Amino acid sequence: MATEPKTKKTTASVTAFIDAVENETRRADAKVVLKMMKEVTGEKPAMWGPSIIGFGSYKSPTGDWPIIGFSPRKANLVLYVLGDFAKRDALMAKLGKHKTGKACLYLNKLADVDEAVLREIVTRSVAHMRSRHG
């Protein structure tokens, strides 16, 4: 039987969370990513757990999870956008300085990447998740 996920949607304020980010660059970058993800998804952002800002939701094997999201962490700006969407590798090659994990894209700062390419990655990731999970 699947265990209950630790990260759940909350009623905490997204704005208050971003405003409390200590690093000025990370805070400014978070505001840009927030705006971009709102525009791409057409969804209202919500806090998931204490540190993830998510948009929409779907049923994963472990419970509800946002379709797309991000977290302005101390070490990196983390975007939860990776999947097997079309042209993923080509877009990653054009993005700029970044690292990836299983389902994460790690950025030191937005100035390191091409924001148009990042928007395309976000757009394709959302479309992929919606086609896969409804």
N, C-alpha and C. Protein backbone atom coordinates (compact mmCIF):
# COMPACT_ATOMS: atom_id res chain seq x y z
N MET A 1 0.84 -1.18 0.00
CA MET A 1 0.00 0.00 0.00
C MET A 1 0.89 1.25 0.00
N ALA A 2 0.54 2.24 -0.82
CA ALA A 2 1.34 3.46 -0.93
C ALA A 2 1.24 4.27 0.36
N THR A 3 2.35 4.88 0.72
CA THR A 3 2.35 5.72 1.91
C THR A 3 1.81 7.10 1.55
N GLU A 4 1.31 7.78 2.54
CA GLU A 4 0.77 9.13 2.35
C GLU A 4 1.91 10.08 2.01
N PRO A 5 1.77 10.89 0.96
CA PRO A 5 2.86 11.81 0.60
C PRO A 5 3.06 12.88 1.68
N LYS A 6 4.32 13.25 1.89
CA LYS A 6 4.64 14.28 2.87
C LYS A 6 4.31 15.67 2.33
N THR A 7 4.47 15.84 1.02
CA THR A 7 4.23 17.15 0.41
C THR A 7 2.79 17.22 -0.08
N LYS A 8 2.03 18.12 0.53
CA LYS A 8 0.62 18.30 0.18
C LYS A 8 0.35 19.78 -0.05
N LYS A 9 -0.70 20.04 -0.82
CA LYS A 9 -1.14 21.41 -1.06
C LYS A 9 -1.59 22.03 0.25
N THR A 10 -1.18 23.30 0.46
CA THR A 10 -1.55 24.01 1.69
C THR A 10 -2.27 25.31 1.33
N THR A 11 -2.68 26.02 2.35
CA THR A 11 -3.33 27.32 2.15
C THR A 11 -2.37 28.47 2.43
N ALA A 12 -1.10 28.18 2.64
CA ALA A 12 -0.10 29.21 2.91
C ALA A 12 0.00 30.18 1.73
N SER A 13 0.41 31.39 2.01
CA SER A 13 0.51 32.44 0.99
C SER A 13 1.77 32.29 0.14
N VAL A 14 1.58 32.18 -1.16
CA VAL A 14 2.70 32.12 -2.10
C VAL A 14 3.47 33.43 -2.07
N THR A 15 2.77 34.55 -2.05
CA THR A 15 3.40 35.86 -2.03
C THR A 15 4.26 36.04 -0.78
N ALA A 16 3.72 35.67 0.38
CA ALA A 16 4.48 35.79 1.63
C ALA A 16 5.71 34.90 1.60
N PHE A 17 5.58 33.70 1.04
CA PHE A 17 6.72 32.79 0.95
C PHE A 17 7.83 33.41 0.09
N ILE A 18 7.47 33.92 -1.08
CA ILE A 18 8.48 34.52 -1.96
C ILE A 18 9.07 35.77 -1.32
N ASP A 19 8.25 36.58 -0.72
CA ASP A 19 8.74 37.80 -0.07
C ASP A 19 9.73 37.50 1.05
N ALA A 20 9.63 36.32 1.64
CA ALA A 20 10.52 35.93 2.75
C ALA A 20 11.84 35.32 2.28
N VAL A 21 11.99 35.11 0.97
CA VAL A 21 13.25 34.56 0.46
C VAL A 21 14.35 35.59 0.72
N GLU A 22 15.39 35.18 1.43
CA GLU A 22 16.43 36.12 1.86
C GLU A 22 17.29 36.66 0.72
N ASN A 23 17.71 35.78 -0.18
CA ASN A 23 18.59 36.18 -1.27
C ASN A 23 17.79 37.02 -2.28
N GLU A 24 18.25 38.25 -2.48
CA GLU A 24 17.53 39.20 -3.34
C GLU A 24 17.39 38.69 -4.78
N THR A 25 18.47 38.13 -5.33
CA THR A 25 18.43 37.60 -6.70
C THR A 25 17.47 36.43 -6.79
N ARG A 26 17.54 35.51 -5.83
CA ARG A 26 16.66 34.35 -5.83
C ARG A 26 15.20 34.79 -5.72
N ARG A 27 14.94 35.79 -4.87
CA ARG A 27 13.58 36.31 -4.70
C ARG A 27 13.07 36.92 -6.01
N ALA A 28 13.89 37.72 -6.67
CA ALA A 28 13.51 38.34 -7.94
C ALA A 28 13.28 37.28 -9.01
N ASP A 29 14.17 36.28 -9.07
CA ASP A 29 14.02 35.19 -10.04
C ASP A 29 12.73 34.41 -9.78
N ALA A 30 12.40 34.19 -8.51
CA ALA A 30 11.18 33.47 -8.16
C ALA A 30 9.95 34.22 -8.67
N LYS A 31 9.97 35.54 -8.58
CA LYS A 31 8.84 36.33 -9.07
C LYS A 31 8.68 36.20 -10.59
N VAL A 32 9.80 36.14 -11.30
CA VAL A 32 9.76 35.97 -12.76
C VAL A 32 9.21 34.59 -13.12
N VAL A 33 9.70 33.55 -12.44
CA VAL A 33 9.23 32.19 -12.71
C VAL A 33 7.76 32.05 -12.32
N LEU A 34 7.35 32.66 -11.22
CA LEU A 34 5.95 32.63 -10.81
C LEU A 34 5.06 33.20 -11.92
N LYS A 35 5.43 34.36 -12.43
CA LYS A 35 4.66 35.00 -13.50
C LYS A 35 4.63 34.12 -14.75
N MET A 36 5.78 33.57 -15.12
CA MET A 36 5.86 32.71 -16.30
C MET A 36 4.97 31.49 -16.16
N MET A 37 5.04 30.81 -15.02
CA MET A 37 4.24 29.60 -14.84
C MET A 37 2.75 29.91 -14.76
N LYS A 38 2.38 31.05 -14.18
CA LYS A 38 0.96 31.47 -14.17
C LYS A 38 0.47 31.65 -15.60
N GLU A 39 1.27 32.35 -16.42
CA GLU A 39 0.89 32.60 -17.81
C GLU A 39 0.78 31.31 -18.61
N VAL A 40 1.73 30.43 -18.45
CA VAL A 40 1.75 29.18 -19.23
C VAL A 40 0.63 28.24 -18.81
N THR A 41 0.41 28.11 -17.50
CA THR A 41 -0.58 27.14 -17.02
C THR A 41 -2.00 27.69 -16.98
N GLY A 42 -2.14 29.02 -16.79
CA GLY A 42 -3.46 29.58 -16.57
C GLY A 42 -4.02 29.18 -15.22
N GLU A 43 -3.16 28.68 -14.34
CA GLU A 43 -3.57 28.19 -13.02
C GLU A 43 -3.13 29.16 -11.93
N LYS A 44 -3.83 29.13 -10.82
CA LYS A 44 -3.46 29.90 -9.65
C LYS A 44 -2.38 29.12 -8.89
N PRO A 45 -1.31 29.78 -8.47
CA PRO A 45 -0.27 29.06 -7.73
C PRO A 45 -0.72 28.71 -6.32
N ALA A 46 -0.15 27.64 -5.78
CA ALA A 46 -0.43 27.22 -4.41
C ALA A 46 0.86 26.68 -3.79
N MET A 47 0.95 26.80 -2.50
CA MET A 47 2.08 26.22 -1.79
C MET A 47 1.82 24.73 -1.63
N TRP A 48 2.85 23.95 -1.86
CA TRP A 48 2.83 22.51 -1.65
C TRP A 48 3.92 22.24 -0.62
N GLY A 49 3.50 21.86 0.56
CA GLY A 49 4.45 21.74 1.65
C GLY A 49 4.96 23.13 1.99
N PRO A 50 6.06 23.20 2.71
CA PRO A 50 6.55 24.51 3.15
C PRO A 50 7.36 25.28 2.12
N SER A 51 7.76 24.63 1.00
CA SER A 51 8.71 25.33 0.12
C SER A 51 8.54 25.14 -1.38
N ILE A 52 7.47 24.51 -1.83
CA ILE A 52 7.25 24.31 -3.26
C ILE A 52 6.02 25.10 -3.69
N ILE A 53 6.17 25.84 -4.79
CA ILE A 53 5.05 26.56 -5.38
C ILE A 53 4.61 25.74 -6.59
N GLY A 54 3.37 25.28 -6.58
CA GLY A 54 2.89 24.41 -7.64
C GLY A 54 1.68 24.99 -8.34
N PHE A 55 1.44 24.45 -9.53
CA PHE A 55 0.33 24.89 -10.38
C PHE A 55 -0.45 23.66 -10.83
N GLY A 56 -1.77 23.70 -10.63
CA GLY A 56 -2.60 22.57 -11.01
C GLY A 56 -2.25 21.35 -10.17
N SER A 57 -2.85 20.22 -10.52
CA SER A 57 -2.51 18.98 -9.84
C SER A 57 -2.93 17.78 -10.67
N TYR A 58 -2.34 16.66 -10.35
CA TYR A 58 -2.70 15.39 -10.97
C TYR A 58 -2.51 14.30 -9.93
N LYS A 59 -3.10 13.15 -10.19
CA LYS A 59 -2.96 12.00 -9.29
C LYS A 59 -1.73 11.20 -9.70
N SER A 60 -0.72 11.22 -8.85
CA SER A 60 0.48 10.42 -9.08
C SER A 60 0.31 9.11 -8.31
N PRO A 61 1.20 8.16 -8.50
CA PRO A 61 1.11 6.91 -7.73
C PRO A 61 1.19 7.13 -6.22
N THR A 62 1.76 8.27 -5.80
CA THR A 62 1.89 8.55 -4.37
C THR A 62 0.89 9.59 -3.87
N GLY A 63 -0.04 10.01 -4.72
CA GLY A 63 -1.04 10.99 -4.33
C GLY A 63 -1.01 12.21 -5.22
N ASP A 64 -1.71 13.27 -4.81
CA ASP A 64 -1.76 14.50 -5.61
C ASP A 64 -0.39 15.16 -5.66
N TRP A 65 -0.09 15.75 -6.81
CA TRP A 65 1.17 16.44 -7.02
C TRP A 65 0.93 17.54 -8.05
N PRO A 66 1.63 18.68 -7.97
CA PRO A 66 1.42 19.73 -8.97
C PRO A 66 1.86 19.30 -10.37
N ILE A 67 1.18 19.84 -11.37
CA ILE A 67 1.55 19.57 -12.76
C ILE A 67 2.93 20.13 -13.04
N ILE A 68 3.20 21.29 -12.47
CA ILE A 68 4.50 21.95 -12.62
C ILE A 68 4.72 22.80 -11.37
N GLY A 69 5.98 23.03 -11.03
CA GLY A 69 6.23 23.85 -9.86
C GLY A 69 7.69 24.26 -9.76
N PHE A 70 7.97 25.01 -8.71
CA PHE A 70 9.36 25.44 -8.48
C PHE A 70 9.55 25.77 -7.00
N SER A 71 10.81 25.88 -6.63
CA SER A 71 11.16 26.25 -5.26
C SER A 71 12.43 27.09 -5.26
N PRO A 72 12.36 28.30 -4.70
CA PRO A 72 13.56 29.13 -4.59
C PRO A 72 14.37 28.72 -3.35
N ARG A 73 15.18 27.70 -3.50
CA ARG A 73 15.96 27.18 -2.38
C ARG A 73 17.26 27.97 -2.23
N LYS A 74 17.94 27.78 -1.11
CA LYS A 74 19.19 28.53 -0.87
C LYS A 74 20.25 28.24 -1.91
N ALA A 75 20.43 26.99 -2.27
CA ALA A 75 21.50 26.60 -3.19
C ALA A 75 21.16 26.87 -4.65
N ASN A 76 19.90 26.67 -5.03
CA ASN A 76 19.48 26.80 -6.43
C ASN A 76 18.02 27.20 -6.50
N LEU A 77 17.64 27.67 -7.68
CA LEU A 77 16.24 27.81 -8.03
C LEU A 77 15.90 26.47 -8.67
N VAL A 78 14.98 25.72 -8.08
CA VAL A 78 14.65 24.38 -8.55
C VAL A 78 13.31 24.42 -9.25
N LEU A 79 13.29 23.95 -10.50
CA LEU A 79 12.04 23.86 -11.26
C LEU A 79 11.68 22.40 -11.45
N TYR A 80 10.45 22.05 -11.12
CA TYR A 80 9.96 20.68 -11.28
C TYR A 80 9.25 20.61 -12.63
N VAL A 81 10.05 20.44 -13.68
CA VAL A 81 9.53 20.54 -15.04
C VAL A 81 9.93 19.40 -15.96
N LEU A 82 10.80 18.55 -15.53
CA LEU A 82 11.35 17.60 -16.47
C LEU A 82 10.45 16.40 -16.68
N GLY A 83 10.39 15.99 -17.90
CA GLY A 83 9.64 14.82 -18.32
C GLY A 83 10.15 14.45 -19.70
N ASP A 84 9.50 13.52 -20.31
CA ASP A 84 9.94 13.06 -21.64
C ASP A 84 9.19 13.79 -22.74
N PHE A 85 9.13 15.11 -22.64
CA PHE A 85 8.40 15.88 -23.65
C PHE A 85 9.24 16.04 -24.92
N ALA A 86 8.55 16.37 -26.01
CA ALA A 86 9.20 16.51 -27.32
C ALA A 86 10.29 17.58 -27.29
N LYS A 87 11.40 17.30 -27.92
CA LYS A 87 12.54 18.21 -28.06
C LYS A 87 13.21 18.58 -26.75
N ARG A 88 13.01 17.79 -25.71
CA ARG A 88 13.58 18.08 -24.40
C ARG A 88 15.10 18.25 -24.46
N ASP A 89 15.80 17.28 -25.01
CA ASP A 89 17.26 17.32 -25.04
C ASP A 89 17.79 18.51 -25.84
N ALA A 90 17.14 18.81 -26.95
CA ALA A 90 17.56 19.95 -27.77
C ALA A 90 17.36 21.26 -27.01
N LEU A 91 16.26 21.38 -26.30
CA LEU A 91 16.00 22.60 -25.52
C LEU A 91 17.00 22.72 -24.37
N MET A 92 17.28 21.62 -23.71
CA MET A 92 18.25 21.66 -22.61
C MET A 92 19.63 22.09 -23.11
N ALA A 93 19.98 21.67 -24.31
CA ALA A 93 21.28 22.03 -24.89
C ALA A 93 21.36 23.53 -25.17
N LYS A 94 20.22 24.17 -25.42
CA LYS A 94 20.19 25.61 -25.73
C LYS A 94 19.91 26.48 -24.51
N LEU A 95 19.56 25.87 -23.37
CA LEU A 95 19.09 26.61 -22.21
C LEU A 95 20.15 27.52 -21.59
N GLY A 96 21.36 27.03 -21.46
CA GLY A 96 22.39 27.78 -20.75
C GLY A 96 22.84 26.98 -19.54
N LYS A 97 23.48 27.65 -18.58
CA LYS A 97 24.06 26.97 -17.42
C LYS A 97 22.97 26.42 -16.50
N HIS A 98 22.96 25.10 -16.34
CA HIS A 98 21.98 24.43 -15.50
C HIS A 98 22.47 23.04 -15.13
N LYS A 99 21.77 22.42 -14.20
CA LYS A 99 21.97 21.02 -13.85
C LYS A 99 20.60 20.38 -13.82
N THR A 100 20.58 19.07 -13.98
CA THR A 100 19.30 18.36 -13.92
C THR A 100 19.38 17.19 -12.95
N GLY A 101 18.24 16.85 -12.41
CA GLY A 101 18.05 15.66 -11.60
C GLY A 101 16.96 14.85 -12.28
N LYS A 102 16.44 13.87 -11.59
CA LYS A 102 15.42 12.99 -12.19
C LYS A 102 14.24 13.78 -12.76
N ALA A 103 13.70 14.68 -11.98
CA ALA A 103 12.56 15.48 -12.45
C ALA A 103 12.76 16.96 -12.16
N CYS A 104 14.00 17.35 -11.93
CA CYS A 104 14.28 18.73 -11.53
C CYS A 104 15.28 19.41 -12.46
N LEU A 105 15.09 20.70 -12.57
CA LEU A 105 16.01 21.56 -13.30
C LEU A 105 16.55 22.55 -12.27
N TYR A 106 17.87 22.57 -12.10
CA TYR A 106 18.51 23.42 -11.11
C TYR A 106 19.21 24.59 -11.79
N LEU A 107 18.85 25.81 -11.37
CA LEU A 107 19.46 27.01 -11.91
C LEU A 107 20.09 27.81 -10.79
N ASN A 108 21.29 28.34 -11.01
CA ASN A 108 21.89 29.23 -10.02
C ASN A 108 21.15 30.56 -10.03
N LYS A 109 20.88 31.07 -11.25
CA LYS A 109 20.12 32.30 -11.40
C LYS A 109 19.59 32.37 -12.83
N LEU A 110 18.50 33.10 -13.01
CA LEU A 110 17.89 33.20 -14.34
C LEU A 110 18.82 33.85 -15.35
N ALA A 111 19.70 34.72 -14.89
CA ALA A 111 20.64 35.39 -15.80
C ALA A 111 21.55 34.39 -16.51
N ASP A 112 21.66 33.17 -15.97
CA ASP A 112 22.52 32.13 -16.56
C ASP A 112 21.86 31.41 -17.74
N VAL A 113 20.56 31.62 -17.93
CA VAL A 113 19.84 30.85 -18.95
C VAL A 113 19.08 31.77 -19.91
N ASP A 114 18.69 31.19 -21.04
CA ASP A 114 17.87 31.88 -22.03
C ASP A 114 16.42 31.73 -21.58
N GLU A 115 15.80 32.84 -21.17
CA GLU A 115 14.43 32.77 -20.64
C GLU A 115 13.40 32.32 -21.67
N ALA A 116 13.63 32.60 -22.94
CA ALA A 116 12.71 32.13 -23.98
C ALA A 116 12.77 30.60 -24.07
N VAL A 117 13.95 30.04 -23.95
CA VAL A 117 14.10 28.58 -23.97
C VAL A 117 13.47 27.99 -22.70
N LEU A 118 13.67 28.65 -21.56
CA LEU A 118 13.06 28.17 -20.32
C LEU A 118 11.54 28.18 -20.43
N ARG A 119 10.97 29.23 -21.01
CA ARG A 119 9.51 29.28 -21.21
C ARG A 119 9.04 28.13 -22.09
N GLU A 120 9.80 27.81 -23.12
CA GLU A 120 9.45 26.69 -24.00
C GLU A 120 9.50 25.36 -23.23
N ILE A 121 10.49 25.21 -22.37
CA ILE A 121 10.58 24.00 -21.54
C ILE A 121 9.37 23.91 -20.62
N VAL A 122 9.01 25.00 -19.98
CA VAL A 122 7.85 25.03 -19.10
C VAL A 122 6.58 24.71 -19.90
N THR A 123 6.42 25.33 -21.05
CA THR A 123 5.24 25.11 -21.89
C THR A 123 5.13 23.65 -22.32
N ARG A 124 6.22 23.07 -22.79
CA ARG A 124 6.19 21.68 -23.24
C ARG A 124 5.99 20.71 -22.07
N SER A 125 6.56 21.02 -20.92
CA SER A 125 6.38 20.17 -19.75
C SER A 125 4.92 20.15 -19.32
N VAL A 126 4.29 21.33 -19.28
CA VAL A 126 2.88 21.41 -18.91
C VAL A 126 2.01 20.64 -19.90
N ALA A 127 2.25 20.85 -21.19
CA ALA A 127 1.47 20.15 -22.22
C ALA A 127 1.64 18.64 -22.09
N HIS A 128 2.86 18.20 -21.84
CA HIS A 128 3.14 16.76 -21.68
C HIS A 128 2.38 16.21 -20.47
N MET A 129 2.45 16.91 -19.34
CA MET A 129 1.77 16.44 -18.13
C MET A 129 0.25 16.41 -18.32
N ARG A 130 -0.27 17.42 -18.97
CA ARG A 130 -1.73 17.46 -19.19
C ARG A 130 -2.18 16.36 -20.14
N SER A 131 -1.39 16.09 -21.17
CA SER A 131 -1.78 15.03 -22.12
C SER A 131 -1.67 13.66 -21.46
N ARG A 132 -0.76 13.54 -20.54
CA ARG A 132 -0.54 12.26 -19.87
C ARG A 132 -1.49 12.03 -18.70
N HIS A 133 -1.86 13.11 -18.00
CA HIS A 133 -2.65 12.97 -16.78
C HIS A 133 -4.00 13.67 -16.82
N GLY A 134 -4.34 14.26 -17.96
CA GLY A 134 -5.64 14.90 -18.08
C GLY A 134 -5.74 16.27 -17.49
